[in-house]
Amino acid sequence: MVWMLKLMTVLKQLRGLRKSLNGQDSKEITEKMRQARQRKLNMKVTVTDVKEAELAIVKFIQKQIFTDEIAALQDDSKGRPIKKKSFYQTVGPKI
């Protein structure tokens, strides 16, 4: 999971770089993109990367398990209550 998130970040950064190079000579763009890919792909996994991956996993699981509760909290303006039997009812949920 850590590597997948790392790859997504690198790809987003490369996409941003390509957009910023728009209008330049194609050979220059190719060379700058090649250099950027080499720098980005040599990155190491850090403790922060692992923590971000753990958080992403927890958020994913919560979205799967607490779909109704999250929808109710996001739709708070409509006054949709959280089910009384829900785990979230006991912890005072907020988004």
PDB file of N, CA and C in Angstrom:
ATOM      1  N   MET A   1       0.824  -1.188   0.000  1.00  0.00           N
ATOM      2  CA  MET A   1       0.000   0.000   0.000  1.00  0.00           C
ATOM      3  C   MET A   1       0.868   1.252   0.000  1.00  0.00           C
ATOM      4  N   VAL A   2       1.971   1.207   0.745  1.00  0.00           N
ATOM      5  CA  VAL A   2       2.864   2.363   0.807  1.00  0.00           C
ATOM      6  C   VAL A   2       3.375   2.709  -0.589  1.00  0.00           C
ATOM      7  N   TRP A   3       3.805   1.687  -1.308  1.00  0.00           N
ATOM      8  CA  TRP A   3       4.355   1.941  -2.636  1.00  0.00           C
ATOM      9  C   TRP A   3       3.290   2.437  -3.602  1.00  0.00           C
ATOM     10  N   MET A   4       2.066   1.956  -3.471  1.00  0.00           N
ATOM     11  CA  MET A   4       0.994   2.425  -4.341  1.00  0.00           C
ATOM     12  C   MET A   4       0.724   3.902  -4.111  1.00  0.00           C
ATOM     13  N   LEU A   5       0.657   4.320  -2.852  1.00  0.00           N
ATOM     14  CA  LEU A   5       0.439   5.736  -2.548  1.00  0.00           C
ATOM     15  C   LEU A   5       1.617   6.580  -3.021  1.00  0.00           C
ATOM     16  N   LYS A   6       2.812   6.065  -2.854  1.00  0.00           N
ATOM     17  CA  LYS A   6       4.021   6.764  -3.302  1.00  0.00           C
ATOM     18  C   LYS A   6       3.977   6.944  -4.819  1.00  0.00           C
ATOM     19  N   LEU A   7       3.612   5.882  -5.527  1.00  0.00           N
ATOM     20  CA  LEU A   7       3.526   5.951  -6.982  1.00  0.00           C
ATOM     21  C   LEU A   7       2.468   6.954  -7.427  1.00  0.00           C
ATOM     22  N   MET A   8       1.309   6.960  -6.769  1.00  0.00           N
ATOM     23  CA  MET A   8       0.263   7.921  -7.107  1.00  0.00           C
ATOM     24  C   MET A   8       0.769   9.353  -6.941  1.00  0.00           C
ATOM     25  N   THR A   9       1.489   9.611  -5.861  1.00  0.00           N
ATOM     26  CA  THR A   9       2.030  10.942  -5.613  1.00  0.00           C
ATOM     27  C   THR A   9       3.023  11.335  -6.700  1.00  0.00           C
ATOM     28  N   VAL A  10       3.917  10.416  -7.043  1.00  0.00           N
ATOM     29  CA  VAL A  10       4.920  10.681  -8.079  1.00  0.00           C
ATOM     30  C   VAL A  10       4.244  10.962  -9.416  1.00  0.00           C
ATOM     31  N   LEU A  11       3.242  10.171  -9.767  1.00  0.00           N
ATOM     32  CA  LEU A  11       2.546  10.372 -11.038  1.00  0.00           C
ATOM     33  C   LEU A  11       1.827  11.718 -11.079  1.00  0.00           C
ATOM     34  N   LYS A  12       1.229  12.130  -9.970  1.00  0.00           N
ATOM     35  CA  LYS A  12       0.585  13.441  -9.913  1.00  0.00           C
ATOM     36  C   LYS A  12       1.612  14.554 -10.085  1.00  0.00           C
ATOM     37  N   GLN A  13       2.773  14.402  -9.453  1.00  0.00           N
ATOM     38  CA  GLN A  13       3.823  15.410  -9.585  1.00  0.00           C
ATOM     39  C   GLN A  13       4.340  15.485 -11.020  1.00  0.00           C
ATOM     40  N   LEU A  14       4.526  14.330 -11.650  1.00  0.00           N
ATOM     41  CA  LEU A  14       4.988  14.316 -13.035  1.00  0.00           C
ATOM     42  C   LEU A  14       3.954  14.925 -13.972  1.00  0.00           C
ATOM     43  N   ARG A  15       2.680  14.670 -13.708  1.00  0.00           N
ATOM     44  CA  ARG A  15       1.622  15.270 -14.522  1.00  0.00           C
ATOM     45  C   ARG A  15       1.651  16.790 -14.396  1.00  0.00           C
ATOM     46  N   GLY A  16       1.852  17.281 -13.174  1.00  0.00           N
ATOM     47  CA  GLY A  16       1.955  18.724 -12.961  1.00  0.00           C
ATOM     48  C   GLY A  16       3.150  19.319 -13.678  1.00  0.00           C
ATOM     49  N   LEU A  17       4.269  18.608 -13.648  1.00  0.00           N
ATOM     50  CA  LEU A  17       5.469  19.071 -14.347  1.00  0.00           C
ATOM     51  C   LEU A  17       5.210  19.141 -15.844  1.00  0.00           C
ATOM     52  N   ARG A  18       4.584  18.087 -16.380  1.00  0.00           N
ATOM     53  CA  ARG A  18       4.307  18.080 -17.823  1.00  0.00           C
ATOM     54  C   ARG A  18       3.412  19.257 -18.207  1.00  0.00           C
ATOM     55  N   LYS A  19       2.408  19.553 -17.385  1.00  0.00           N
ATOM     56  CA  LYS A  19       1.527  20.690 -17.672  1.00  0.00           C
ATOM     57  C   LYS A  19       2.305  22.001 -17.641  1.00  0.00           C
ATOM     58  N   SER A  20       3.237  22.124 -16.687  1.00  0.00           N
ATOM     59  CA  SER A  20       4.010  23.366 -16.575  1.00  0.00           C
ATOM     60  C   SER A  20       4.985  23.539 -17.744  1.00  0.00           C
ATOM     61  N   LEU A  21       5.357  22.450 -18.394  1.00  0.00           N
ATOM     62  CA  LEU A  21       6.286  22.510 -19.523  1.00  0.00           C
ATOM     63  C   LEU A  21       5.566  22.709 -20.851  1.00  0.00           C
ATOM     64  N   ASN A  22       4.269  22.782 -20.825  1.00  0.00           N
ATOM     65  CA  ASN A  22       3.471  22.917 -22.037  1.00  0.00           C
ATOM     66  C   ASN A  22       3.943  24.124 -22.848  1.00  0.00           C
ATOM     67  N   GLY A  23       4.150  23.917 -24.133  1.00  0.00           N
ATOM     68  CA  GLY A  23       4.567  24.999 -25.015  1.00  0.00           C
ATOM     69  C   GLY A  23       6.062  25.037 -25.267  1.00  0.00           C
ATOM     70  N   GLN A  24       6.830  24.254 -24.530  1.00  0.00           N
ATOM     71  CA  GLN A  24       8.274  24.209 -24.748  1.00  0.00           C
ATOM     72  C   GLN A  24       8.607  23.211 -25.850  1.00  0.00           C
ATOM     73  N   ASP A  25       9.843  23.233 -26.279  1.00  0.00           N
ATOM     74  CA  ASP A  25      10.337  22.324 -27.307  1.00  0.00           C
ATOM     75  C   ASP A  25      10.145  20.872 -26.856  1.00  0.00           C
ATOM     76  N   SER A  26       9.707  20.006 -27.757  1.00  0.00           N
ATOM     77  CA  SER A  26       9.409  18.617 -27.383  1.00  0.00           C
ATOM     78  C   SER A  26      10.642  17.863 -26.887  1.00  0.00           C
ATOM     79  N   LYS A  27      11.815  18.136 -27.449  1.00  0.00           N
ATOM     80  CA  LYS A  27      13.033  17.473 -26.976  1.00  0.00           C
ATOM     81  C   LYS A  27      13.353  17.920 -25.555  1.00  0.00           C
ATOM     82  N   GLU A  28      13.151  19.196 -25.294  1.00  0.00           N
ATOM     83  CA  GLU A  28      13.410  19.732 -23.951  1.00  0.00           C
ATOM     84  C   GLU A  28      12.435  19.130 -22.942  1.00  0.00           C
ATOM     85  N   ILE A  29      11.172  19.006 -23.327  1.00  0.00           N
ATOM     86  CA  ILE A  29      10.165  18.397 -22.454  1.00  0.00           C
ATOM     87  C   ILE A  29      10.542  16.947 -22.159  1.00  0.00           C
ATOM     88  N   THR A  30      10.917  16.211 -23.200  1.00  0.00           N
ATOM     89  CA  THR A  30      11.293  14.802 -23.036  1.00  0.00           C
ATOM     90  C   THR A  30      12.461  14.659 -22.075  1.00  0.00           C
ATOM     91  N   GLU A  31      13.474  15.500 -22.221  1.00  0.00           N
ATOM     92  CA  GLU A  31      14.648  15.418 -21.359  1.00  0.00           C
ATOM     93  C   GLU A  31      14.303  15.777 -19.910  1.00  0.00           C
ATOM     94  N   LYS A  32      13.527  16.835 -19.717  1.00  0.00           N
ATOM     95  CA  LYS A  32      13.150  17.234 -18.349  1.00  0.00           C
ATOM     96  C   LYS A  32      12.287  16.178 -17.680  1.00  0.00           C
ATOM     97  N   MET A  33      11.394  15.562 -18.443  1.00  0.00           N
ATOM     98  CA  MET A  33      10.544  14.513 -17.881  1.00  0.00           C
ATOM     99  C   MET A  33      11.380  13.288 -17.528  1.00  0.00           C
ATOM    100  N   ARG A  34      12.359  12.938 -18.365  1.00  0.00           N
ATOM    101  CA  ARG A  34      13.232  11.800 -18.087  1.00  0.00           C
ATOM    102  C   ARG A  34      14.020  12.030 -16.806  1.00  0.00           C
ATOM    103  N   GLN A  35      14.556  13.234 -16.653  1.00  0.00           N
ATOM    104  CA  GLN A  35      15.315  13.569 -15.442  1.00  0.00           C
ATOM    105  C   GLN A  35      14.423  13.525 -14.206  1.00  0.00           C
ATOM    106  N   ALA A  36      13.227  14.063 -14.331  1.00  0.00           N
ATOM    107  CA  ALA A  36      12.291  14.080 -13.193  1.00  0.00           C
ATOM    108  C   ALA A  36      11.905  12.655 -12.800  1.00  0.00           C
ATOM    109  N   ARG A  37      11.647  11.786 -13.781  1.00  0.00           N
ATOM    110  CA  ARG A  37      11.297  10.394 -13.483  1.00  0.00           C
ATOM    111  C   ARG A  37      12.425   9.691 -12.749  1.00  0.00           C
ATOM    112  N   GLN A  38      13.641   9.931 -13.183  1.00  0.00           N
ATOM    113  CA  GLN A  38      14.790   9.296 -12.516  1.00  0.00           C
ATOM    114  C   GLN A  38      14.893   9.755 -11.066  1.00  0.00           C
ATOM    115  N   ARG A  39      14.714  11.049 -10.816  1.00  0.00           N
ATOM    116  CA  ARG A  39      14.781  11.566  -9.437  1.00  0.00           C
ATOM    117  C   ARG A  39      13.641  11.009  -8.600  1.00  0.00           C
ATOM    118  N   LYS A  40      12.447  11.005  -9.132  1.00  0.00           N
ATOM    119  CA  LYS A  40      11.265  10.584  -8.379  1.00  0.00           C
ATOM    120  C   LYS A  40      11.298   9.091  -8.066  1.00  0.00           C
ATOM    121  N   LEU A  41      11.758   8.280  -9.018  1.00  0.00           N
ATOM    122  CA  LEU A  41      11.724   6.837  -8.820  1.00  0.00           C
ATOM    123  C   LEU A  41      12.845   6.339  -7.917  1.00  0.00           C
ATOM    124  N   ASN A  42      13.784   7.190  -7.576  1.00  0.00           N
ATOM    125  CA  ASN A  42      14.851   6.811  -6.649  1.00  0.00           C
ATOM    126  C   ASN A  42      14.478   7.138  -5.203  1.00  0.00           C
ATOM    127  N   MET A  43      13.253   7.546  -4.981  1.00  0.00           N
ATOM    128  CA  MET A  43      12.814   7.935  -3.641  1.00  0.00           C
ATOM    129  C   MET A  43      12.719   6.710  -2.727  1.00  0.00           C
ATOM    130  N   LYS A  44      12.955   6.919  -1.482  1.00  0.00           N
ATOM    131  CA  LYS A  44      12.874   5.854  -0.475  1.00  0.00           C
ATOM    132  C   LYS A  44      11.567   6.003   0.319  1.00  0.00           C
ATOM    133  N   VAL A  45      11.099   4.911   0.888  1.00  0.00           N
ATOM    134  CA  VAL A  45       9.909   4.942   1.731  1.00  0.00           C
ATOM    135  C   VAL A  45      10.316   5.462   3.109  1.00  0.00           C
ATOM    136  N   THR A  46       9.562   6.435   3.602  1.00  0.00           N
ATOM    137  CA  THR A  46       9.859   7.034   4.897  1.00  0.00           C
ATOM    138  C   THR A  46       8.822   6.607   5.929  1.00  0.00           C
ATOM    139  N   VAL A  47       9.076   6.936   7.171  1.00  0.00           N
ATOM    140  CA  VAL A  47       8.123   6.657   8.245  1.00  0.00           C
ATOM    141  C   VAL A  47       6.811   7.397   7.958  1.00  0.00           C
ATOM    142  N   THR A  48       6.916   8.616   7.458  1.00  0.00           N
ATOM    143  CA  THR A  48       5.720   9.390   7.113  1.00  0.00           C
ATOM    144  C   THR A  48       4.901   8.676   6.044  1.00  0.00           C
ATOM    145  N   ASP A  49       5.574   8.100   5.059  1.00  0.00           N
ATOM    146  CA  ASP A  49       4.870   7.349   4.009  1.00  0.00           C
ATOM    147  C   ASP A  49       4.089   6.183   4.600  1.00  0.00           C
ATOM    148  N   VAL A  50       4.691   5.476   5.534  1.00  0.00           N
ATOM    149  CA  VAL A  50       4.034   4.333   6.171  1.00  0.00           C
ATOM    150  C   VAL A  50       2.826   4.801   6.969  1.00  0.00           C
ATOM    151  N   LYS A  51       2.976   5.900   7.708  1.00  0.00           N
ATOM    152  CA  LYS A  51       1.854   6.427   8.496  1.00  0.00           C
ATOM    153  C   LYS A  51       0.714   6.879   7.590  1.00  0.00           C
ATOM    154  N   GLU A  52       1.046   7.526   6.474  1.00  0.00           N
ATOM    155  CA  GLU A  52       0.002   7.946   5.527  1.00  0.00           C
ATOM    156  C   GLU A  52      -0.716   6.740   4.933  1.00  0.00           C
ATOM    157  N   ALA A  53       0.017   5.674   4.655  1.00  0.00           N
ATOM    158  CA  ALA A  53      -0.597   4.457   4.117  1.00  0.00           C
ATOM    159  C   ALA A  53      -1.522   3.823   5.152  1.00  0.00           C
ATOM    160  N   GLU A  54      -1.086   3.788   6.406  1.00  0.00           N
ATOM    161  CA  GLU A  54      -1.936   3.240   7.472  1.00  0.00           C
ATOM    162  C   GLU A  54      -3.223   4.042   7.586  1.00  0.00           C
ATOM    163  N   LEU A  55      -3.110   5.368   7.541  1.00  0.00           N
ATOM    164  CA  LEU A  55      -4.286   6.227   7.634  1.00  0.00           C
ATOM    165  C   LEU A  55      -5.223   6.008   6.444  1.00  0.00           C
ATOM    166  N   ALA A  56      -4.658   5.852   5.258  1.00  0.00           N
ATOM    167  CA  ALA A  56      -5.473   5.596   4.068  1.00  0.00           C
ATOM    168  C   ALA A  56      -6.229   4.277   4.192  1.00  0.00           C
ATOM    169  N   ILE A  57      -5.581   3.275   4.746  1.00  0.00           N
ATOM    170  CA  ILE A  57      -6.236   1.968   4.942  1.00  0.00           C
ATOM    171  C   ILE A  57      -7.377   2.095   5.939  1.00  0.00           C
ATOM    172  N   VAL A  58      -7.136   2.783   7.050  1.00  0.00           N
ATOM    173  CA  VAL A  58      -8.179   2.971   8.070  1.00  0.00           C
ATOM    174  C   VAL A  58      -9.363   3.720   7.475  1.00  0.00           C
ATOM    175  N   LYS A  59      -9.097   4.796   6.723  1.00  0.00           N
ATOM    176  CA  LYS A  59     -10.190   5.560   6.107  1.00  0.00           C
ATOM    177  C   LYS A  59     -10.988   4.705   5.128  1.00  0.00           C
ATOM    178  N   PHE A  60     -10.281   3.893   4.347  1.00  0.00           N
ATOM    179  CA  PHE A  60     -10.962   3.022   3.386  1.00  0.00           C
ATOM    180  C   PHE A  60     -11.888   2.043   4.099  1.00  0.00           C
ATOM    181  N   ILE A  61     -11.377   1.416   5.146  1.00  0.00           N
ATOM    182  CA  ILE A  61     -12.182   0.443   5.897  1.00  0.00           C
ATOM    183  C   ILE A  61     -13.375   1.125   6.563  1.00  0.00           C
ATOM    184  N   GLN A  62     -13.149   2.314   7.128  1.00  0.00           N
ATOM    185  CA  GLN A  62     -14.256   3.039   7.761  1.00  0.00           C
ATOM    186  C   GLN A  62     -15.337   3.372   6.743  1.00  0.00           C
ATOM    187  N   LYS A  63     -14.929   3.774   5.533  1.00  0.00           N
ATOM    188  CA  LYS A  63     -15.922   4.076   4.496  1.00  0.00           C
ATOM    189  C   LYS A  63     -16.728   2.841   4.123  1.00  0.00           C
ATOM    190  N   GLN A  64     -16.091   1.678   4.158  1.00  0.00           N
ATOM    191  CA  GLN A  64     -16.784   0.445   3.818  1.00  0.00           C
ATOM    192  C   GLN A  64     -17.762   0.021   4.911  1.00  0.00           C
ATOM    193  N   ILE A  65     -17.356   0.170   6.155  1.00  0.00           N
ATOM    194  CA  ILE A  65     -18.157  -0.316   7.275  1.00  0.00           C
ATOM    195  C   ILE A  65     -19.230   0.693   7.709  1.00  0.00           C
ATOM    196  N   PHE A  66     -18.887   1.962   7.714  1.00  0.00           N
ATOM    197  CA  PHE A  66     -19.780   2.991   8.256  1.00  0.00           C
ATOM    198  C   PHE A  66     -20.364   3.886   7.154  1.00  0.00           C
ATOM    199  N   THR A  67     -20.721   3.308   6.035  1.00  0.00           N
ATOM    200  CA  THR A  67     -21.253   4.068   4.901  1.00  0.00           C
ATOM    201  C   THR A  67     -22.464   4.908   5.286  1.00  0.00           C
ATOM    202  N   ASP A  68     -23.437   4.316   5.960  1.00  0.00           N
ATOM    203  CA  ASP A  68     -24.659   5.030   6.328  1.00  0.00           C
ATOM    204  C   ASP A  68     -24.366   6.166   7.304  1.00  0.00           C
ATOM    205  N   GLU A  69     -23.512   5.897   8.281  1.00  0.00           N
ATOM    206  CA  GLU A  69     -23.196   6.900   9.287  1.00  0.00           C
ATOM    207  C   GLU A  69     -22.461   8.096   8.674  1.00  0.00           C
ATOM    208  N   ILE A  70     -21.527   7.814   7.783  1.00  0.00           N
ATOM    209  CA  ILE A  70     -20.782   8.892   7.132  1.00  0.00           C
ATOM    210  C   ILE A  70     -21.716   9.727   6.267  1.00  0.00           C
ATOM    211  N   ALA A  71     -22.606   9.072   5.533  1.00  0.00           N
ATOM    212  CA  ALA A  71     -23.581   9.795   4.704  1.00  0.00           C
ATOM    213  C   ALA A  71     -24.475  10.672   5.569  1.00  0.00           C
ATOM    214  N   ALA A  72     -24.891  10.164   6.726  1.00  0.00           N
ATOM    215  CA  ALA A  72     -25.746  10.949   7.624  1.00  0.00           C
ATOM    216  C   ALA A  72     -24.992  12.161   8.163  1.00  0.00           C
ATOM    217  N   LEU A  73     -23.746  11.989   8.508  1.00  0.00           N
ATOM    218  CA  LEU A  73     -22.950  13.109   9.024  1.00  0.00           C
ATOM    219  C   LEU A  73     -22.678  14.148   7.943  1.00  0.00           C
ATOM    220  N   GLN A  74     -22.431  13.714   6.735  1.00  0.00           N
ATOM    221  CA  GLN A  74     -22.192  14.648   5.643  1.00  0.00           C
ATOM    222  C   GLN A  74     -23.463  15.366   5.238  1.00  0.00           C
ATOM    223  N   ASP A  75     -24.602  14.732   5.431  1.00  0.00           N
ATOM    224  CA  ASP A  75     -25.902  15.289   5.075  1.00  0.00           C
ATOM    225  C   ASP A  75     -26.590  15.912   6.280  1.00  0.00           C
ATOM    226  N   ASP A  76     -25.819  16.371   7.232  1.00  0.00           N
ATOM    227  CA  ASP A  76     -26.360  16.878   8.494  1.00  0.00           C
ATOM    228  C   ASP A  76     -27.406  17.969   8.286  1.00  0.00           C
ATOM    229  N   SER A  77     -27.294  18.739   7.201  1.00  0.00           N
ATOM    230  CA  SER A  77     -28.245  19.818   6.952  1.00  0.00           C
ATOM    231  C   SER A  77     -29.663  19.291   6.739  1.00  0.00           C
ATOM    232  N   LYS A  78     -29.794  18.049   6.316  1.00  0.00           N
ATOM    233  CA  LYS A  78     -31.111  17.458   6.100  1.00  0.00           C
ATOM    234  C   LYS A  78     -31.658  16.820   7.365  1.00  0.00           C
ATOM    235  N   GLY A  79     -30.865  16.830   8.418  1.00  0.00           N
ATOM    236  CA  GLY A  79     -31.328  16.300   9.699  1.00  0.00           C
ATOM    237  C   GLY A  79     -31.459  14.797   9.737  1.00  0.00           C
ATOM    238  N   ARG A  80     -30.717  14.105   8.908  1.00  0.00           N
ATOM    239  CA  ARG A  80     -30.761  12.647   8.901  1.00  0.00           C
ATOM    240  C   ARG A  80     -30.041  12.122  10.131  1.00  0.00           C
ATOM    241  N   PRO A  81     -30.740  11.477  11.032  1.00  0.00           N
ATOM    242  CA  PRO A  81     -30.086  10.994  12.254  1.00  0.00           C
ATOM    243  C   PRO A  81     -29.252   9.739  12.022  1.00  0.00           C
ATOM    244  N   ILE A  82     -28.275   9.571  12.885  1.00  0.00           N
ATOM    245  CA  ILE A  82     -27.491   8.337  12.875  1.00  0.00           C
ATOM    246  C   ILE A  82     -28.290   7.296  13.640  1.00  0.00           C
ATOM    247  N   LYS A  83     -28.268   6.074  13.170  1.00  0.00           N
ATOM    248  CA  LYS A  83     -29.031   5.009  13.831  1.00  0.00           C
ATOM    249  C   LYS A  83     -28.602   4.870  15.283  1.00  0.00           C
ATOM    250  N   LYS A  84     -29.559   4.653  16.159  1.00  0.00           N
ATOM    251  CA  LYS A  84     -29.266   4.550  17.593  1.00  0.00           C
ATOM    252  C   LYS A  84     -28.393   3.353  17.934  1.00  0.00           C
ATOM    253  N   LYS A  85     -28.415   2.327  17.117  1.00  0.00           N
ATOM    254  CA  LYS A  85     -27.609   1.134  17.374  1.00  0.00           C
ATOM    255  C   LYS A  85     -26.186   1.271  16.817  1.00  0.00           C
ATOM    256  N   SER A  86     -25.925   2.376  16.147  1.00  0.00           N
ATOM    257  CA  SER A  86     -24.616   2.568  15.531  1.00  0.00           C
ATOM    258  C   SER A  86     -23.534   2.788  16.581  1.00  0.00           C
ATOM    259  N   PHE A  87     -22.352   2.275  16.308  1.00  0.00           N
ATOM    260  CA  PHE A  87     -21.190   2.490  17.172  1.00  0.00           C
ATOM    261  C   PHE A  87     -20.910   3.981  17.314  1.00  0.00           C
ATOM    262  N   TYR A  88     -21.093   4.722  16.255  1.00  0.00           N
ATOM    263  CA  TYR A  88     -20.798   6.150  16.265  1.00  0.00           C
ATOM    264  C   TYR A  88     -21.686   6.943  17.223  1.00  0.00           C
ATOM    265  N   GLN A  89     -22.846   6.447  17.501  1.00  0.00           N
ATOM    266  CA  GLN A  89     -23.773   7.154  18.412  1.00  0.00           C
ATOM    267  C   GLN A  89     -23.141   7.353  19.783  1.00  0.00           C
ATOM    268  N   THR A  90     -22.289   6.446  20.204  1.00  0.00           N
ATOM    269  CA  THR A  90     -21.696   6.520  21.548  1.00  0.00           C
ATOM    270  C   THR A  90     -20.459   7.402  21.613  1.00  0.00           C
ATOM    271  N   VAL A  91     -19.884   7.789  20.479  1.00  0.00           N
ATOM    272  CA  VAL A  91     -18.636   8.554  20.495  1.00  0.00           C
ATOM    273  C   VAL A  91     -18.790  10.011  20.082  1.00  0.00           C
ATOM    274  N   GLY A  92     -19.992  10.465  19.805  1.00  0.00           N
ATOM    275  CA  GLY A  92     -20.209  11.848  19.403  1.00  0.00           C
ATOM    276  C   GLY A  92     -19.548  12.180  18.080  1.00  0.00           C
ATOM    277  N   PRO A  93     -20.033  11.610  16.983  1.00  0.00           N
ATOM    278  CA  PRO A  93     -19.360  11.729  15.688  1.00  0.00           C
ATOM    279  C   PRO A  93     -19.430  13.131  15.078  1.00  0.00           C
ATOM    280  N   LYS A  94     -18.340  13.500  14.419  1.00  0.00           N
ATOM    281  CA  LYS A  94     -18.262  14.755  13.670  1.00  0.00           C
ATOM    282  C   LYS A  94     -17.347  14.533  12.490  1.00  0.00           C
ATOM    283  N   ILE A  95     -17.621  15.240  11.410  1.00  0.00           N
ATOM    284  CA  ILE A  95     -16.730  15.175  10.242  1.00  0.00           C
ATOM    285  C   ILE A  95     -16.074  16.527  10.084  1.00  0.00           C
TER     286      ILE A  95
END
